[in-house]
Amino acid sequence: MSKKFPAMRRGFTLIELMTAVSIFAIVMVISMGSIIGVFDANRKSRTLKTIMNNLNLAIESMAKEMRYGESYHCGSSGTLTLPQNCPGGDTLVSFLSSEDAQITYRLNGATIEKQINSAEFLAVTAPEVIIDSLVFYTLGAGTDNLLQPKVIIKIEGHAGTDKSRSDFTLETMVSQRKLDI
């Protein structure tokens, strides 16, 4: 006679018991995979929120200063206080703010930096936001044309690593508020 398990007293056979335990184990493994997937999605969502908050602040402050500024100079060649177009794009733009301060933005490594009146450059973006590409296009700089000055800003980058990496591309155009007559 075979030895019976306590669960078998109620009419379960060993095969039925093993089948139930196997099905339970499979369901638990699938459930744990789903929970881990939810944690990964949450991590990516937080990374994306960090990017959006930081870049929103950086772009808004850059755009506001440029909108009320004048005498846009794109590129590191020439005198930064003299207007200069660059329809081909460059990683540096400088302009005179509404408060008569010379403001310069540039890409340095993987960070957007800002300089006011030839002082030290300070980071505008957070360290966890990696800027892969920053290009400024300046059109209509100076008064020798019929175009209202404008700057197009294009930023590409990412935040996070591996599965939680979030890539982004932002582009905006800023037009000078003061009439260029």
Protein backbone atom coordinates (compact mmCIF):
# COMPACT_ATOMS: atom_id res chain seq x y z
CA MET A 1 0.00 0.00 0.00
CA SER A 2 1.25 3.47 -0.83
CA LYS A 3 1.80 6.16 1.69
CA LYS A 4 -0.71 9.01 1.39
CA PHE A 5 -0.08 12.72 1.87
CA PRO A 6 -2.46 14.67 4.16
CA ALA A 7 -4.00 16.41 1.13
CA MET A 8 -4.65 13.03 -0.39
CA ARG A 9 -7.01 12.13 2.46
CA ARG A 10 -9.54 14.45 0.84
CA GLY A 11 -9.35 12.60 -2.42
CA PHE A 12 -6.40 14.29 -4.20
CA THR A 13 -3.88 12.08 -5.90
CA LEU A 14 -0.18 12.87 -6.03
CA ILE A 15 -0.41 13.76 -9.74
CA GLU A 16 -3.29 16.17 -9.15
CA LEU A 17 -1.39 17.81 -6.30
CA MET A 18 1.79 18.18 -8.40
CA THR A 19 -0.23 19.60 -11.31
CA ALA A 20 -1.86 22.21 -9.06
CA VAL A 21 1.51 23.24 -7.59
CA SER A 22 3.04 23.47 -11.09
CA ILE A 23 0.19 25.65 -12.38
CA PHE A 24 0.51 27.87 -9.29
CA ALA A 25 4.29 28.23 -9.85
CA ILE A 26 3.78 29.15 -13.52
CA VAL A 27 1.17 31.78 -12.62
CA MET A 28 3.49 33.25 -9.96
CA VAL A 29 6.44 33.46 -12.38
CA ILE A 30 4.28 35.25 -14.97
CA SER A 31 2.92 37.60 -12.29
CA MET A 32 6.41 38.48 -11.06
CA GLY A 33 7.46 39.25 -14.64
CA SER A 34 4.53 41.64 -14.93
CA ILE A 35 5.39 43.35 -11.65
CA ILE A 36 9.01 43.83 -12.74
CA GLY A 37 7.74 45.27 -16.04
CA VAL A 38 5.60 47.77 -14.12
CA PHE A 39 8.64 48.83 -12.04
CA ASP A 40 10.69 49.36 -15.23
CA ALA A 41 7.89 51.43 -16.78
CA ASN A 42 7.69 53.53 -13.60
CA ARG A 43 11.45 54.16 -13.69
CA LYS A 44 11.27 55.22 -17.34
CA SER A 45 8.30 57.48 -16.57
CA ARG A 46 10.23 59.22 -13.77
CA THR A 47 13.23 59.67 -16.09
CA LEU A 48 11.01 61.19 -18.75
CA LYS A 49 9.42 63.54 -16.19
CA THR A 50 12.88 64.70 -15.07
CA ILE A 51 13.84 65.40 -18.68
CA MET A 52 10.66 67.29 -19.44
CA ASN A 53 10.79 69.44 -16.28
CA ASN A 54 14.45 70.33 -16.69
CA LEU A 55 14.30 70.97 -20.43
CA ASN A 56 11.07 72.94 -20.12
CA LEU A 57 12.74 75.30 -17.65
CA ALA A 58 15.91 75.59 -19.77
CA ILE A 59 14.08 76.17 -23.08
CA GLU A 60 11.59 78.63 -21.56
CA SER A 61 14.30 80.75 -19.96
CA MET A 62 16.42 80.71 -23.15
CA ALA A 63 13.43 81.58 -25.33
CA LYS A 64 12.24 84.39 -23.05
CA GLU A 65 15.66 86.01 -22.94
CA MET A 66 16.08 85.68 -26.72
CA ARG A 67 12.57 86.95 -27.44
CA TYR A 68 13.23 90.21 -25.62
CA GLY A 69 16.88 90.40 -26.71
CA GLU A 70 18.48 91.78 -29.86
CA SER A 71 21.69 91.73 -31.90
CA TYR A 72 21.83 87.93 -32.30
CA HIS A 73 25.24 86.46 -33.10
CA CYS A 74 25.45 82.82 -34.08
CA GLY A 75 28.79 80.98 -34.07
CA SER A 76 32.06 81.48 -32.23
CA SER A 77 33.74 83.40 -35.07
CA GLY A 78 33.78 87.20 -35.15
CA THR A 79 32.82 89.64 -32.41
CA LEU A 80 29.97 88.28 -30.28
CA THR A 81 28.46 91.75 -29.85
CA LEU A 82 27.93 92.18 -33.62
CA PRO A 83 24.92 90.54 -35.31
CA GLN A 84 25.77 87.47 -37.40
CA ASN A 85 23.49 85.02 -39.21
CA CYS A 86 24.21 81.36 -39.42
CA PRO A 87 21.66 79.56 -41.57
CA GLY A 88 23.84 76.44 -41.43
CA GLY A 89 23.66 76.29 -37.64
CA ASP A 90 26.21 76.38 -34.83
CA THR A 91 26.48 75.30 -31.18
CA LEU A 92 26.88 78.85 -29.82
CA VAL A 93 24.57 81.86 -29.83
CA SER A 94 25.09 85.25 -28.21
CA PHE A 95 22.77 88.27 -27.94
CA LEU A 96 22.16 91.46 -26.03
CA SER A 97 19.44 90.98 -23.42
CA SER A 98 16.70 93.50 -22.62
CA GLU A 99 18.80 94.51 -19.58
CA ASP A 100 21.87 95.23 -21.78
CA ALA A 101 23.73 92.12 -20.68
CA GLN A 102 25.60 90.03 -23.27
CA ILE A 103 24.22 86.50 -22.91
CA THR A 104 25.83 83.48 -24.55
CA TYR A 105 24.52 79.92 -24.73
CA ARG A 106 26.65 76.99 -25.88
CA LEU A 107 26.96 73.24 -25.85
CA ASN A 108 29.88 72.06 -23.73
CA GLY A 109 30.26 68.30 -23.79
CA ALA A 110 26.78 67.03 -22.93
CA THR A 111 25.54 70.15 -21.10
CA ILE A 112 23.98 73.43 -22.20
CA GLU A 113 25.80 76.33 -20.58
CA LYS A 114 25.04 80.05 -20.16
CA GLN A 115 27.38 83.00 -19.76
CA ILE A 116 26.40 86.54 -18.76
CA ASN A 117 28.76 89.47 -19.56
CA SER A 118 31.90 87.36 -20.06
CA ALA A 119 31.57 85.78 -16.59
CA GLU A 120 31.99 82.08 -15.97
CA PHE A 121 29.80 79.64 -17.97
CA LEU A 122 27.18 77.92 -15.79
CA ALA A 123 25.23 74.74 -16.58
CA VAL A 124 21.58 75.22 -17.58
CA THR A 125 20.63 71.53 -17.84
CA ALA A 126 20.79 68.90 -15.09
CA PRO A 127 23.64 66.37 -15.09
CA GLU A 128 21.26 63.44 -15.64
CA VAL A 129 20.08 65.00 -18.93
CA ILE A 130 22.63 64.23 -21.67
CA ILE A 131 22.55 66.65 -24.62
CA ASP A 132 23.80 64.88 -27.74
CA SER A 133 23.27 67.82 -30.10
CA LEU A 134 22.44 71.52 -29.73
CA VAL A 135 22.17 73.67 -32.86
CA PHE A 136 21.21 77.33 -33.15
CA TYR A 137 20.13 78.75 -36.52
CA THR A 138 20.02 82.56 -36.69
CA LEU A 139 18.22 84.38 -39.51
CA GLY A 140 17.61 88.11 -40.03
CA ALA A 141 20.34 89.31 -37.65
CA GLY A 142 21.32 92.94 -38.22
CA THR A 143 19.33 95.72 -39.88
CA ASP A 144 20.61 95.28 -43.44
CA ASN A 145 17.74 92.94 -44.42
CA LEU A 146 13.95 92.84 -44.40
CA LEU A 147 13.67 89.85 -42.06
CA GLN A 148 12.60 90.06 -38.43
CA PRO A 149 15.45 88.39 -36.46
CA LYS A 150 14.74 84.87 -35.28
CA VAL A 151 16.59 81.97 -33.72
CA ILE A 152 15.72 78.31 -34.23
CA ILE A 153 16.89 76.02 -31.43
CA LYS A 154 17.18 72.26 -31.97
CA ILE A 155 18.14 69.96 -29.09
CA GLU A 156 18.63 66.18 -29.20
CA GLY A 157 19.59 64.08 -26.22
CA HIS A 158 18.65 61.41 -23.71
CA ALA A 159 18.38 60.63 -20.02
CA GLY A 160 18.77 57.35 -18.21
CA THR A 161 20.56 54.21 -19.31
CA ASP A 162 19.67 50.79 -20.68
CA LYS A 163 15.96 50.00 -20.28
CA SER A 164 15.12 53.32 -18.59
CA ARG A 165 16.73 55.43 -21.35
CA SER A 166 14.47 58.12 -22.79
CA ASP A 167 15.49 59.88 -26.01
CA PHE A 168 14.14 63.28 -27.01
CA THR A 169 14.29 65.86 -29.78
CA LEU A 170 13.06 69.41 -29.21
CA GLU A 171 12.87 72.25 -31.68
CA THR A 172 11.55 75.75 -31.17
CA MET A 173 11.73 79.09 -32.94
CA VAL A 174 12.10 82.41 -31.15
CA SER A 175 11.36 85.66 -32.91
CA GLN A 176 12.66 89.01 -31.62
CA ARG A 177 9.79 91.08 -30.13
CA LYS A 178 11.40 94.44 -30.82
CA LEU A 179 10.77 95.52 -34.41
CA ASP A 180 13.95 95.40 -36.46
CA ILE A 181 13.62 98.62 -38.46
